[in-house]
Amino acid sequence: MRRAEDLCTIAQKRGIARYSGFLSDREQELAQAAMNRLGCSEYTFDGGYPQAERKLLCIEPAGAYSEPPIRCVKVECVLKASADQGPSHKDYMGAVLGLGLERDCLGDILLDPDAPGTAYVFLLERIEPLLCEELTSVGRYLASTQPFYGQVPCATVERELQTATVSSLRADAVLAAMLHCSRSQACAILRAGQLEINHMAVSDPHAAVYEGDLFTVRGKGRFRLESLGGKSRKDRLFITFFQY
């Protein structure tokens, strides 16, 4: 929040645009709170495409004409067989950060579902030359890179919604439904401190959850409780959720 406030102060005093690095959804919430505290309304968030998760805080005073310093690099890997699906998202992330980059230099990484082995990496403008020159492999795959200026074909992300029934809107019950595991296994995950809900650690299996909550499960991924439905004949609650 202090960093966001400093950027805002500089932008307003000098009448020039200022940009943060890429922020997580929680950091975006904090940045927005900082802007509200200062009474600043001349800001937006931009991640390079409409549905981006990681975004820059863009503070652009009236009359300050600039473009967010976001670039996209296309990474193509040499697959070993026609049925090879190529590197995973984790592999691309590890390869890029393995170049010694800080996390806030890197935005979203989108895998092209129609072209296995191809990914689009959003990053800060100043990092683009380094990535294009230094990234030669992703995991066990040889890779080539080039700046990409068109519309990313996989930028429209359609989440696969899943439906389940739960006995109650408790953390353990909803987590078990999301992970397709037993309540006892969900309780073990909670008590091991592996769950965050809306970026806050939750260890109580009885904790109440609500529509729109974001579940982050260490080693399992992230899920959003999208909506709540009615009750089944067995008096269980319908929920709809998706995994990022």
C-alpha atoms as a PDB file:
ATOM      1  CA  MET A   1       0.000   0.000   0.000  1.00  0.00           C
ATOM      2  CA  ARG A   2       2.876   2.366   0.738  1.00  0.00           C
ATOM      3  CA  ARG A   3       4.370   1.655  -2.665  1.00  0.00           C
ATOM      4  CA  ALA A   4       1.045   2.373  -4.357  1.00  0.00           C
ATOM      5  CA  GLU A   5       0.698   5.613  -2.405  1.00  0.00           C
ATOM      6  CA  ASP A   6       4.222   6.688  -3.407  1.00  0.00           C
ATOM      7  CA  LEU A   7       3.439   6.051  -7.075  1.00  0.00           C
ATOM      8  CA  CYS A   8       0.230   8.055  -6.775  1.00  0.00           C
ATOM      9  CA  THR A   9       1.965  10.983  -5.083  1.00  0.00           C
ATOM     10  CA  ILE A  10       4.634  11.150  -7.803  1.00  0.00           C
ATOM     11  CA  ALA A  11       2.068  10.853 -10.598  1.00  0.00           C
ATOM     12  CA  GLN A  12      -0.106  13.633  -9.196  1.00  0.00           C
ATOM     13  CA  LYS A  13       2.716  16.026  -8.348  1.00  0.00           C
ATOM     14  CA  ARG A  14       4.526  15.652 -11.675  1.00  0.00           C
ATOM     15  CA  GLY A  15       1.509  15.017 -13.877  1.00  0.00           C
ATOM     16  CA  ILE A  16       3.071  11.872 -15.328  1.00  0.00           C
ATOM     17  CA  ALA A  17       1.895   8.280 -15.566  1.00  0.00           C
ATOM     18  CA  ARG A  18       3.274   5.751 -13.138  1.00  0.00           C
ATOM     19  CA  TYR A  19       2.946   1.955 -13.121  1.00  0.00           C
ATOM     20  CA  SER A  20       3.545  -0.784 -10.583  1.00  0.00           C
ATOM     21  CA  GLY A  21       4.819  -4.263 -11.314  1.00  0.00           C
ATOM     22  CA  PHE A  22       2.377  -7.124 -11.817  1.00  0.00           C
ATOM     23  CA  LEU A  23       0.160  -7.589  -8.757  1.00  0.00           C
ATOM     24  CA  SER A  24      -1.726 -10.621  -7.498  1.00  0.00           C
ATOM     25  CA  ASP A  25      -5.461 -10.274  -6.883  1.00  0.00           C
ATOM     26  CA  ARG A  26      -4.810  -9.657  -3.161  1.00  0.00           C
ATOM     27  CA  GLU A  27      -2.194  -7.001  -3.950  1.00  0.00           C
ATOM     28  CA  GLN A  28      -4.660  -5.356  -6.334  1.00  0.00           C
ATOM     29  CA  GLU A  29      -7.161  -5.113  -3.484  1.00  0.00           C
ATOM     30  CA  LEU A  30      -4.544  -3.448  -1.275  1.00  0.00           C
ATOM     31  CA  ALA A  31      -3.523  -1.062  -4.053  1.00  0.00           C
ATOM     32  CA  GLN A  32      -7.152  -0.113  -4.598  1.00  0.00           C
ATOM     33  CA  ALA A  33      -7.553   0.531  -0.874  1.00  0.00           C
ATOM     34  CA  ALA A  34      -4.482   2.785  -0.985  1.00  0.00           C
ATOM     35  CA  MET A  35      -5.905   4.750  -3.922  1.00  0.00           C
ATOM     36  CA  ASN A  36      -9.219   5.177  -2.117  1.00  0.00           C
ATOM     37  CA  ARG A  37      -7.434   6.357   1.015  1.00  0.00           C
ATOM     38  CA  LEU A  38      -5.682   9.066  -1.006  1.00  0.00           C
ATOM     39  CA  GLY A  39      -8.839  10.002  -2.880  1.00  0.00           C
ATOM     40  CA  CYS A  40      -7.207   9.111  -6.193  1.00  0.00           C
ATOM     41  CA  SER A  41      -9.584   8.123  -8.993  1.00  0.00           C
ATOM     42  CA  GLU A  42      -7.214   8.356 -11.961  1.00  0.00           C
ATOM     43  CA  TYR A  43      -6.112   4.747 -11.954  1.00  0.00           C
ATOM     44  CA  THR A  44      -6.920   1.422 -13.596  1.00  0.00           C
ATOM     45  CA  PHE A  45      -5.571  -2.127 -13.552  1.00  0.00           C
ATOM     46  CA  ASP A  46      -4.236  -3.745 -16.716  1.00  0.00           C
ATOM     47  CA  GLY A  47      -2.770  -7.205 -17.287  1.00  0.00           C
ATOM     48  CA  GLY A  48      -2.415  -7.154 -21.069  1.00  0.00           C
ATOM     49  CA  TYR A  49      -5.759  -8.794 -21.880  1.00  0.00           C
ATOM     50  CA  PRO A  50      -9.287  -8.414 -20.478  1.00  0.00           C
ATOM     51  CA  GLN A  51      -9.428 -11.494 -18.242  1.00  0.00           C
ATOM     52  CA  ALA A  52      -5.922 -11.198 -16.803  1.00  0.00           C
ATOM     53  CA  GLU A  53      -5.436 -12.270 -13.190  1.00  0.00           C
ATOM     54  CA  ARG A  54      -2.127 -10.519 -12.515  1.00  0.00           C
ATOM     55  CA  LYS A  55      -2.302  -6.823 -13.360  1.00  0.00           C
ATOM     56  CA  LEU A  56      -0.386  -3.559 -13.169  1.00  0.00           C
ATOM     57  CA  LEU A  57      -1.657  -0.609 -11.168  1.00  0.00           C
ATOM     58  CA  CYS A  58      -1.784   2.154 -13.783  1.00  0.00           C
ATOM     59  CA  ILE A  59      -1.957   5.703 -12.395  1.00  0.00           C
ATOM     60  CA  GLU A  60      -2.523   8.108 -15.285  1.00  0.00           C
ATOM     61  CA  PRO A  61      -3.351  11.741 -14.382  1.00  0.00           C
ATOM     62  CA  ALA A  62      -5.385  13.792 -16.828  1.00  0.00           C
ATOM     63  CA  GLY A  63      -3.223  14.843 -19.750  1.00  0.00           C
ATOM     64  CA  ALA A  64      -0.585  12.186 -19.090  1.00  0.00           C
ATOM     65  CA  TYR A  65      -0.537  10.093 -22.248  1.00  0.00           C
ATOM     66  CA  SER A  66       1.279   6.793 -21.975  1.00  0.00           C
ATOM     67  CA  GLU A  67       0.884   3.050 -22.530  1.00  0.00           C
ATOM     68  CA  PRO A  68       1.194   0.440 -19.767  1.00  0.00           C
ATOM     69  CA  PRO A  69       4.651  -1.180 -20.047  1.00  0.00           C
ATOM     70  CA  ILE A  70       3.262  -4.631 -20.828  1.00  0.00           C
ATOM     71  CA  ARG A  71       4.595  -6.920 -23.523  1.00  0.00           C
ATOM     72  CA  CYS A  72       3.781 -10.447 -24.660  1.00  0.00           C
ATOM     73  CA  VAL A  73       6.299 -13.101 -25.717  1.00  0.00           C
ATOM     74  CA  LYS A  74       5.360 -16.247 -27.598  1.00  0.00           C
ATOM     75  CA  VAL A  75       7.260 -19.331 -26.448  1.00  0.00           C
ATOM     76  CA  GLU A  76       7.287 -22.401 -28.706  1.00  0.00           C
ATOM     77  CA  CYS A  77       8.739 -25.692 -27.524  1.00  0.00           C
ATOM     78  CA  VAL A  78      10.017 -28.561 -29.665  1.00  0.00           C
ATOM     79  CA  LEU A  79       7.827 -31.540 -28.831  1.00  0.00           C
ATOM     80  CA  LYS A  80       9.254 -35.049 -28.761  1.00  0.00           C
ATOM     81  CA  ALA A  81       6.218 -36.812 -30.258  1.00  0.00           C
ATOM     82  CA  SER A  82       2.947 -35.941 -31.958  1.00  0.00           C
ATOM     83  CA  ALA A  83       0.983 -36.886 -28.842  1.00  0.00           C
ATOM     84  CA  ASP A  84       3.272 -34.896 -26.540  1.00  0.00           C
ATOM     85  CA  GLN A  85       1.328 -32.170 -24.719  1.00  0.00           C
ATOM     86  CA  GLY A  86       4.461 -30.175 -23.939  1.00  0.00           C
ATOM     87  CA  PRO A  87       5.438 -28.344 -20.757  1.00  0.00           C
ATOM     88  CA  SER A  88       2.965 -27.517 -18.026  1.00  0.00           C
ATOM     89  CA  HIS A  89       2.181 -24.047 -16.718  1.00  0.00           C
ATOM     90  CA  LYS A  90       4.490 -24.773 -13.793  1.00  0.00           C
ATOM     91  CA  ASP A  91       7.321 -25.624 -16.200  1.00  0.00           C
ATOM     92  CA  TYR A  92       6.993 -22.301 -18.020  1.00  0.00           C
ATOM     93  CA  MET A  93       6.839 -20.410 -14.752  1.00  0.00           C
ATOM     94  CA  GLY A  94       9.953 -22.136 -13.443  1.00  0.00           C
ATOM     95  CA  ALA A  95      11.888 -21.528 -16.663  1.00  0.00           C
ATOM     96  CA  VAL A  96      11.079 -17.815 -16.731  1.00  0.00           C
ATOM     97  CA  LEU A  97      11.745 -17.170 -13.045  1.00  0.00           C
ATOM     98  CA  GLY A  98      14.879 -19.302 -13.360  1.00  0.00           C
ATOM     99  CA  LEU A  99      16.391 -16.454 -15.363  1.00  0.00           C
ATOM    100  CA  GLY A 100      16.649 -14.526 -12.103  1.00  0.00           C
ATOM    101  CA  LEU A 101      13.512 -12.422 -12.574  1.00  0.00           C
ATOM    102  CA  GLU A 102      11.402 -11.110  -9.714  1.00  0.00           C
ATOM    103  CA  ARG A 103       7.800 -12.296  -9.553  1.00  0.00           C
ATOM    104  CA  ASP A 104       6.372  -8.819 -10.134  1.00  0.00           C
ATOM    105  CA  CYS A 105       8.055  -8.724 -13.557  1.00  0.00           C
ATOM    106  CA  LEU A 106       5.821 -11.536 -14.747  1.00  0.00           C
ATOM    107  CA  GLY A 107       2.105 -11.478 -15.521  1.00  0.00           C
ATOM    108  CA  ASP A 108      -0.074 -14.346 -16.691  1.00  0.00           C
ATOM    109  CA  ILE A 109       1.175 -17.298 -18.707  1.00  0.00           C
ATOM    110  CA  LEU A 110      -1.398 -18.706 -21.123  1.00  0.00           C
ATOM    111  CA  LEU A 111      -1.009 -22.144 -22.694  1.00  0.00           C
ATOM    112  CA  ASP A 112      -2.498 -22.457 -26.161  1.00  0.00           C
ATOM    113  CA  PRO A 113      -4.965 -25.384 -26.013  1.00  0.00           C
ATOM    114  CA  ASP A 114      -4.895 -25.742 -29.798  1.00  0.00           C
ATOM    115  CA  ALA A 115      -1.099 -25.738 -30.099  1.00  0.00           C
ATOM    116  CA  PRO A 116       0.618 -27.978 -27.521  1.00  0.00           C
ATOM    117  CA  GLY A 117       4.038 -26.645 -26.575  1.00  0.00           C
ATOM    118  CA  THR A 118       3.057 -23.029 -27.230  1.00  0.00           C
ATOM    119  CA  ALA A 119       2.557 -20.459 -24.485  1.00  0.00           C
ATOM    120  CA  TYR A 120       2.123 -16.692 -24.294  1.00  0.00           C
ATOM    121  CA  VAL A 121       3.954 -14.904 -21.500  1.00  0.00           C
ATOM    122  CA  PHE A 122       2.909 -11.431 -20.350  1.00  0.00           C
ATOM    123  CA  LEU A 123       5.712  -9.458 -18.763  1.00  0.00           C
ATOM    124  CA  LEU A 124       7.119  -5.980 -18.177  1.00  0.00           C
ATOM    125  CA  GLU A 125       8.455  -4.207 -21.248  1.00  0.00           C
ATOM    126  CA  ARG A 126      11.999  -3.954 -19.890  1.00  0.00           C
ATOM    127  CA  ILE A 127      12.156  -7.729 -19.429  1.00  0.00           C
ATOM    128  CA  GLU A 128      11.184  -8.626 -22.999  1.00  0.00           C
ATOM    129  CA  PRO A 129      14.733  -8.482 -24.503  1.00  0.00           C
ATOM    130  CA  LEU A 130      16.157 -10.619 -21.696  1.00  0.00           C
ATOM    131  CA  LEU A 131      13.504 -13.296 -22.078  1.00  0.00           C
ATOM    132  CA  CYS A 132      13.856 -13.438 -25.864  1.00  0.00           C
ATOM    133  CA  GLU A 133      17.643 -13.747 -25.626  1.00  0.00           C
ATOM    134  CA  GLU A 134      18.050 -16.040 -22.633  1.00  0.00           C
ATOM    135  CA  LEU A 135      15.100 -18.447 -22.605  1.00  0.00           C
ATOM    136  CA  THR A 136      16.241 -21.427 -24.672  1.00  0.00           C
ATOM    137  CA  SER A 137      14.550 -24.287 -22.831  1.00  0.00           C
ATOM    138  CA  VAL A 138      11.480 -25.047 -20.765  1.00  0.00           C
ATOM    139  CA  GLY A 139      11.965 -28.078 -18.572  1.00  0.00           C
ATOM    140  CA  ARG A 140      13.321 -30.810 -20.848  1.00  0.00           C
ATOM    141  CA  TYR A 141      12.137 -29.082 -24.025  1.00  0.00           C
ATOM    142  CA  LEU A 142      14.117 -26.821 -26.338  1.00  0.00           C
ATOM    143  CA  ALA A 143      12.303 -23.523 -26.803  1.00  0.00           C
ATOM    144  CA  SER A 144      12.300 -20.514 -29.096  1.00  0.00           C
ATOM    145  CA  THR A 145      10.854 -17.099 -28.286  1.00  0.00           C
ATOM    146  CA  GLN A 146       9.662 -14.057 -30.163  1.00  0.00           C
ATOM    147  CA  PRO A 147       7.753 -10.870 -29.308  1.00  0.00           C
ATOM    148  CA  PHE A 148       4.060 -11.236 -30.000  1.00  0.00           C
ATOM    149  CA  TYR A 149       1.965  -8.238 -30.991  1.00  0.00           C
ATOM    150  CA  GLY A 150      -1.321  -9.779 -32.126  1.00  0.00           C
ATOM    151  CA  GLN A 151      -4.349 -10.909 -30.207  1.00  0.00           C
ATOM    152  CA  VAL A 152      -3.487 -13.900 -28.080  1.00  0.00           C
ATOM    153  CA  PRO A 153      -5.699 -16.757 -29.345  1.00  0.00           C
ATOM    154  CA  CYS A 154      -6.211 -18.254 -25.888  1.00  0.00           C
ATOM    155  CA  ALA A 155      -6.783 -14.966 -24.026  1.00  0.00           C
ATOM    156  CA  THR A 156     -10.492 -15.687 -23.580  1.00  0.00           C
ATOM    157  CA  VAL A 157     -10.488 -18.087 -20.674  1.00  0.00           C
ATOM    158  CA  GLU A 158     -13.615 -20.200 -20.251  1.00  0.00           C
ATOM    159  CA  ARG A 159     -13.738 -21.757 -16.818  1.00  0.00           C
ATOM    160  CA  GLU A 160     -15.111 -25.263 -16.536  1.00  0.00           C
ATOM    161  CA  LEU A 161     -17.868 -25.023 -13.941  1.00  0.00           C
ATOM    162  CA  GLN A 162     -18.404 -27.987 -11.650  1.00  0.00           C
ATOM    163  CA  THR A 163     -21.453 -28.744  -9.554  1.00  0.00           C
ATOM    164  CA  ALA A 164     -21.574 -30.641  -6.280  1.00  0.00           C
ATOM    165  CA  THR A 165     -23.745 -31.038  -3.202  1.00  0.00           C
ATOM    166  CA  VAL A 166     -22.552 -30.405   0.350  1.00  0.00           C
ATOM    167  CA  SER A 167     -24.104 -31.016   3.736  1.00  0.00           C
ATOM    168  CA  SER A 168     -23.347 -27.457   4.874  1.00  0.00           C
ATOM    169  CA  LEU A 169     -21.386 -24.343   3.914  1.00  0.00           C
ATOM    170  CA  ARG A 170     -18.492 -25.256   6.169  1.00  0.00           C
ATOM    171  CA  ALA A 171     -14.894 -25.063   5.043  1.00  0.00           C
ATOM    172  CA  ASP A 172     -14.279 -28.806   5.354  1.00  0.00           C
ATOM    173  CA  ALA A 173     -17.441 -29.793   3.472  1.00  0.00           C
ATOM    174  CA  VAL A 174     -16.909 -27.390   0.574  1.00  0.00           C
ATOM    175  CA  LEU A 175     -13.181 -28.168   0.353  1.00  0.00           C
ATOM    176  CA  ALA A 176     -13.918 -31.909   0.219  1.00  0.00           C
ATOM    177  CA  ALA A 177     -16.320 -31.312  -2.685  1.00  0.00           C
ATOM    178  CA  MET A 178     -13.783 -29.205  -4.561  1.00  0.00           C
ATOM    179  CA  LEU A 179     -10.952 -31.705  -4.119  1.00  0.00           C
ATOM    180  CA  HIS A 180     -13.187 -34.792  -4.557  1.00  0.00           C
ATOM    181  CA  CYS A 181     -11.907 -36.182  -1.288  1.00  0.00           C
ATOM    182  CA  SER A 182     -13.386 -37.205   2.068  1.00  0.00           C
ATOM    183  CA  ARG A 183     -14.258 -34.788   4.863  1.00  0.00           C
ATOM    184  CA  SER A 184     -11.512 -36.289   7.026  1.00  0.00           C
ATOM    185  CA  GLN A 185      -8.931 -35.620   4.303  1.00  0.00           C
ATOM    186  CA  ALA A 186     -10.206 -32.051   3.952  1.00  0.00           C
ATOM    187  CA  CYS A 187      -9.920 -31.583   7.728  1.00  0.00           C
ATOM    188  CA  ALA A 188      -6.321 -32.814   7.600  1.00  0.00           C
ATOM    189  CA  ILE A 189      -5.526 -30.213   4.932  1.00  0.00           C
ATOM    190  CA  LEU A 190      -7.114 -27.489   7.056  1.00  0.00           C
ATOM    191  CA  ARG A 191      -5.328 -28.460  10.247  1.00  0.00           C
ATOM    192  CA  ALA A 192      -2.014 -28.651   8.384  1.00  0.00           C
ATOM    193  CA  GLY A 193      -2.393 -24.969   7.485  1.00  0.00           C
ATOM    194  CA  GLN A 194      -2.626 -25.649   3.754  1.00  0.00           C
ATOM    195  CA  LEU A 195      -5.791 -23.643   3.063  1.00  0.00           C
ATOM    196  CA  GLU A 196      -6.336 -19.936   2.544  1.00  0.00           C
ATOM    197  CA  ILE A 197      -9.751 -18.422   1.888  1.00  0.00           C
ATOM    198  CA  ASN A 198      -9.612 -14.975   0.329  1.00  0.00           C
ATOM    199  CA  HIS A 199      -5.862 -14.937   1.112  1.00  0.00           C
ATOM    200  CA  MET A 200      -6.411 -15.527   4.820  1.00  0.00           C
ATOM    201  CA  ALA A 201      -5.232 -18.738   6.480  1.00  0.00           C
ATOM    202  CA  VAL A 202      -8.105 -20.936   7.642  1.00  0.00           C
ATOM    203  CA  SER A 203      -7.570 -23.941   9.911  1.00  0.00           C
ATOM    204  CA  ASP A 204     -11.018 -24.344  11.475  1.00  0.00           C
ATOM    205  CA  PRO A 205     -13.065 -27.015   9.656  1.00  0.00           C
ATOM    206  CA  HIS A 206     -16.249 -25.343  10.956  1.00  0.00           C
ATOM    207  CA  ALA A 207     -15.440 -21.943   9.377  1.00  0.00           C
ATOM    208  CA  ALA A 208     -18.321 -20.598   7.308  1.00  0.00           C
ATOM    209  CA  VAL A 209     -17.788 -19.976   3.595  1.00  0.00           C
ATOM    210  CA  TYR A 210     -19.726 -17.762   1.212  1.00  0.00           C
ATOM    211  CA  GLU A 211     -20.493 -17.294  -2.453  1.00  0.00           C
ATOM    212  CA  GLY A 212     -17.526 -15.787  -4.302  1.00  0.00           C
ATOM    213  CA  ASP A 213     -14.899 -17.056  -1.840  1.00  0.00           C
ATOM    214  CA  LEU A 214     -11.473 -17.868  -3.274  1.00  0.00           C
ATOM    215  CA  PHE A 215      -9.880 -21.087  -1.982  1.00  0.00           C
ATOM    216  CA  THR A 216      -6.106 -21.475  -2.281  1.00  0.00           C
ATOM    217  CA  VAL A 217      -4.951 -24.983  -1.403  1.00  0.00           C
ATOM    218  CA  ARG A 218      -1.204 -25.458  -1.160  1.00  0.00           C
ATOM    219  CA  GLY A 219      -0.084 -28.057  -3.677  1.00  0.00           C
ATOM    220  CA  LYS A 220      -3.608 -28.467  -5.085  1.00  0.00           C
ATOM    221  CA  GLY A 221      -4.428 -25.178  -6.816  1.00  0.00           C
ATOM    222  CA  ARG A 222      -7.015 -22.423  -6.527  1.00  0.00           C
ATOM    223  CA  PHE A 223     -10.784 -22.663  -6.640  1.00  0.00           C
ATOM    224  CA  ARG A 224     -13.642 -20.171  -6.571  1.00  0.00           C
ATOM    225  CA  LEU A 225     -17.031 -20.869  -5.053  1.00  0.00           C
ATOM    226  CA  GLU A 226     -18.979 -19.378  -7.935  1.00  0.00           C
ATOM    227  CA  SER A 227     -22.580 -19.707  -6.796  1.00  0.00           C
ATOM    228  CA  LEU A 228     -24.970 -21.367  -4.374  1.00  0.00           C
ATOM    229  CA  GLY A 229     -28.102 -23.174  -5.428  1.00  0.00           C
ATOM    230  CA  GLY A 230     -31.090 -24.728  -3.759  1.00  0.00           C
ATOM    231  CA  LYS A 231     -31.361 -27.975  -1.854  1.00  0.00           C
ATOM    232  CA  SER A 232     -31.534 -31.522  -3.067  1.00  0.00           C
ATOM    233  CA  ARG A 233     -34.163 -34.044  -2.028  1.00  0.00           C
ATOM    234  CA  LYS A 234     -31.766 -35.206   0.653  1.00  0.00           C
ATOM    235  CA  ASP A 235     -31.550 -31.638   2.004  1.00  0.00           C
ATOM    236  CA  ARG A 236     -28.021 -31.095   0.700  1.00  0.00           C
ATOM    237  CA  LEU A 237     -26.937 -27.740  -0.747  1.00  0.00           C
ATOM    238  CA  PHE A 238     -25.973 -27.356  -4.397  1.00  0.00           C
ATOM    239  CA  ILE A 239     -22.773 -25.412  -5.095  1.00  0.00           C
ATOM    240  CA  THR A 240     -21.061 -24.418  -8.327  1.00  0.00           C
ATOM    241  CA  PHE A 241     -17.295 -23.836  -8.430  1.00  0.00           C
ATOM    242  CA  PHE A 242     -14.354 -23.818 -10.806  1.00  0.00           C
ATOM    243  CA  GLN A 243     -10.630 -24.394 -10.619  1.00  0.00           C
ATOM    244  CA  TYR A 244      -8.182 -21.846 -12.003  1.00  0.00           C
END
